[in-house]
Amino acid sequence: MTERNERGSSVPVEGSQSMRLFFSWALVSVLLGYGVVQTVITAAKLFGN
């Protein structure tokens, strides 16, 4: 897998940068949300019984 820098990519820089930023933040949010949900479920199982 080769890494390209921003200058080497074929897509326009402005659009790809904002989309990449949006998708990276969306991914981080989804992973954080998933972790929080799993933690809450685990806590409910531990302390609920």
N, C-alpha and C. Protein backbone atom coordinates (compact mmCIF):
# COMPACT_ATOMS: atom_id res chain seq x y z
N MET A 1 0.85 -1.19 0.00
CA MET A 1 0.00 0.00 0.00
C MET A 1 0.89 1.24 0.00
N THR A 2 0.78 2.05 -1.01
CA THR A 2 1.62 3.24 -1.11
C THR A 2 0.87 4.46 -0.60
N GLU A 3 1.57 5.25 0.19
CA GLU A 3 0.95 6.47 0.70
C GLU A 3 1.19 7.61 -0.28
N ARG A 4 0.12 8.35 -0.59
CA ARG A 4 0.26 9.52 -1.45
C ARG A 4 0.18 10.76 -0.57
N ASN A 5 0.97 11.75 -0.93
CA ASN A 5 0.79 13.03 -0.24
C ASN A 5 -0.30 13.81 -0.94
N GLU A 6 -0.69 14.96 -0.35
CA GLU A 6 -1.82 15.70 -0.89
C GLU A 6 -1.57 16.17 -2.32
N ARG A 7 -0.31 16.50 -2.65
CA ARG A 7 -0.01 17.01 -3.98
C ARG A 7 -0.13 15.90 -5.03
N GLY A 8 0.16 14.65 -4.64
CA GLY A 8 0.20 13.58 -5.61
C GLY A 8 -1.16 13.00 -5.95
N SER A 9 -2.18 13.34 -5.20
CA SER A 9 -3.49 12.75 -5.46
C SER A 9 -4.12 13.40 -6.68
N SER A 10 -4.96 12.63 -7.40
CA SER A 10 -5.53 13.12 -8.64
C SER A 10 -6.80 13.94 -8.40
N VAL A 11 -7.43 13.76 -7.24
CA VAL A 11 -8.65 14.52 -6.96
C VAL A 11 -8.30 15.94 -6.53
N PRO A 12 -9.19 16.90 -6.77
CA PRO A 12 -8.95 18.29 -6.32
C PRO A 12 -8.72 18.35 -4.82
N VAL A 13 -7.75 19.16 -4.42
CA VAL A 13 -7.30 19.15 -3.03
C VAL A 13 -8.40 19.62 -2.07
N GLU A 14 -9.08 20.70 -2.42
CA GLU A 14 -10.04 21.28 -1.48
C GLU A 14 -11.15 20.28 -1.13
N GLY A 15 -11.76 19.69 -2.15
CA GLY A 15 -12.86 18.76 -1.90
C GLY A 15 -12.40 17.52 -1.15
N SER A 16 -11.27 16.97 -1.57
CA SER A 16 -10.82 15.72 -0.96
C SER A 16 -10.39 15.95 0.48
N GLN A 17 -9.80 17.11 0.76
CA GLN A 17 -9.36 17.39 2.11
C GLN A 17 -10.54 17.47 3.07
N SER A 18 -11.58 18.21 2.69
CA SER A 18 -12.73 18.36 3.58
C SER A 18 -13.47 17.03 3.73
N MET A 19 -13.59 16.28 2.63
CA MET A 19 -14.25 14.98 2.72
C MET A 19 -13.46 14.02 3.58
N ARG A 20 -12.13 14.03 3.40
CA ARG A 20 -11.29 13.14 4.21
C ARG A 20 -11.39 13.50 5.68
N LEU A 21 -11.41 14.80 5.96
CA LEU A 21 -11.55 15.26 7.34
C LEU A 21 -12.89 14.82 7.91
N PHE A 22 -13.95 15.00 7.11
CA PHE A 22 -15.29 14.61 7.56
C PHE A 22 -15.35 13.11 7.84
N PHE A 23 -14.81 12.31 6.90
CA PHE A 23 -14.89 10.86 7.08
C PHE A 23 -14.04 10.39 8.25
N SER A 24 -12.88 11.00 8.46
CA SER A 24 -12.05 10.59 9.59
C SER A 24 -12.74 10.91 10.91
N TRP A 25 -13.37 12.11 10.98
CA TRP A 25 -14.09 12.44 12.20
C TRP A 25 -15.32 11.56 12.38
N ALA A 26 -15.99 11.23 11.28
CA ALA A 26 -17.15 10.34 11.37
C ALA A 26 -16.71 8.97 11.89
N LEU A 27 -15.59 8.46 11.38
CA LEU A 27 -15.08 7.17 11.83
C LEU A 27 -14.72 7.20 13.30
N VAL A 28 -14.04 8.28 13.72
CA VAL A 28 -13.67 8.42 15.14
C VAL A 28 -14.93 8.46 16.01
N SER A 29 -15.94 9.21 15.56
CA SER A 29 -17.18 9.32 16.33
C SER A 29 -17.88 7.97 16.45
N VAL A 30 -17.93 7.22 15.33
CA VAL A 30 -18.58 5.91 15.35
C VAL A 30 -17.84 4.97 16.30
N LEU A 31 -16.51 4.96 16.23
CA LEU A 31 -15.74 4.06 17.09
C LEU A 31 -15.88 4.46 18.56
N LEU A 32 -15.84 5.76 18.84
CA LEU A 32 -16.03 6.21 20.21
C LEU A 32 -17.42 5.85 20.72
N GLY A 33 -18.43 6.09 19.88
CA GLY A 33 -19.79 5.76 20.27
C GLY A 33 -19.95 4.27 20.53
N TYR A 34 -19.33 3.45 19.68
CA TYR A 34 -19.41 2.01 19.86
C TYR A 34 -18.75 1.60 21.17
N GLY A 35 -17.60 2.20 21.47
CA GLY A 35 -16.92 1.89 22.72
C GLY A 35 -17.75 2.28 23.93
N VAL A 36 -18.40 3.44 23.85
CA VAL A 36 -19.24 3.90 24.96
C VAL A 36 -20.42 2.95 25.15
N VAL A 37 -21.05 2.55 24.04
CA VAL A 37 -22.19 1.63 24.12
C VAL A 37 -21.77 0.31 24.74
N GLN A 38 -20.64 -0.24 24.30
CA GLN A 38 -20.16 -1.51 24.85
C GLN A 38 -19.87 -1.37 26.34
N THR A 39 -19.27 -0.24 26.73
CA THR A 39 -18.97 -0.01 28.15
C THR A 39 -20.24 0.05 28.97
N VAL A 40 -21.26 0.75 28.47
CA VAL A 40 -22.53 0.86 29.19
C VAL A 40 -23.20 -0.50 29.31
N ILE A 41 -23.17 -1.28 28.23
CA ILE A 41 -23.78 -2.62 28.26
C ILE A 41 -23.06 -3.50 29.28
N THR A 42 -21.73 -3.45 29.26
CA THR A 42 -20.95 -4.25 30.20
C THR A 42 -21.23 -3.82 31.64
N ALA A 43 -21.28 -2.52 31.89
CA ALA A 43 -21.55 -2.01 33.22
C ALA A 43 -22.94 -2.44 33.67
N ALA A 44 -23.91 -2.39 32.77
CA ALA A 44 -25.26 -2.79 33.12
C ALA A 44 -25.30 -4.27 33.48
N LYS A 45 -24.55 -5.09 32.75
CA LYS A 45 -24.50 -6.52 33.07
C LYS A 45 -23.83 -6.76 34.42
N LEU A 46 -22.75 -6.02 34.68
CA LEU A 46 -22.01 -6.24 35.93
C LEU A 46 -22.84 -5.79 37.14
N PHE A 47 -23.38 -4.58 37.06
CA PHE A 47 -24.03 -4.00 38.23
C PHE A 47 -25.52 -4.25 38.27
N GLY A 48 -26.08 -4.73 37.16
CA GLY A 48 -27.52 -4.92 37.11
C GLY A 48 -27.97 -6.19 37.86
N ASN A 49 -27.08 -7.16 37.95
CA ASN A 49 -27.50 -8.45 38.53
C ASN A 49 -27.43 -8.40 40.05
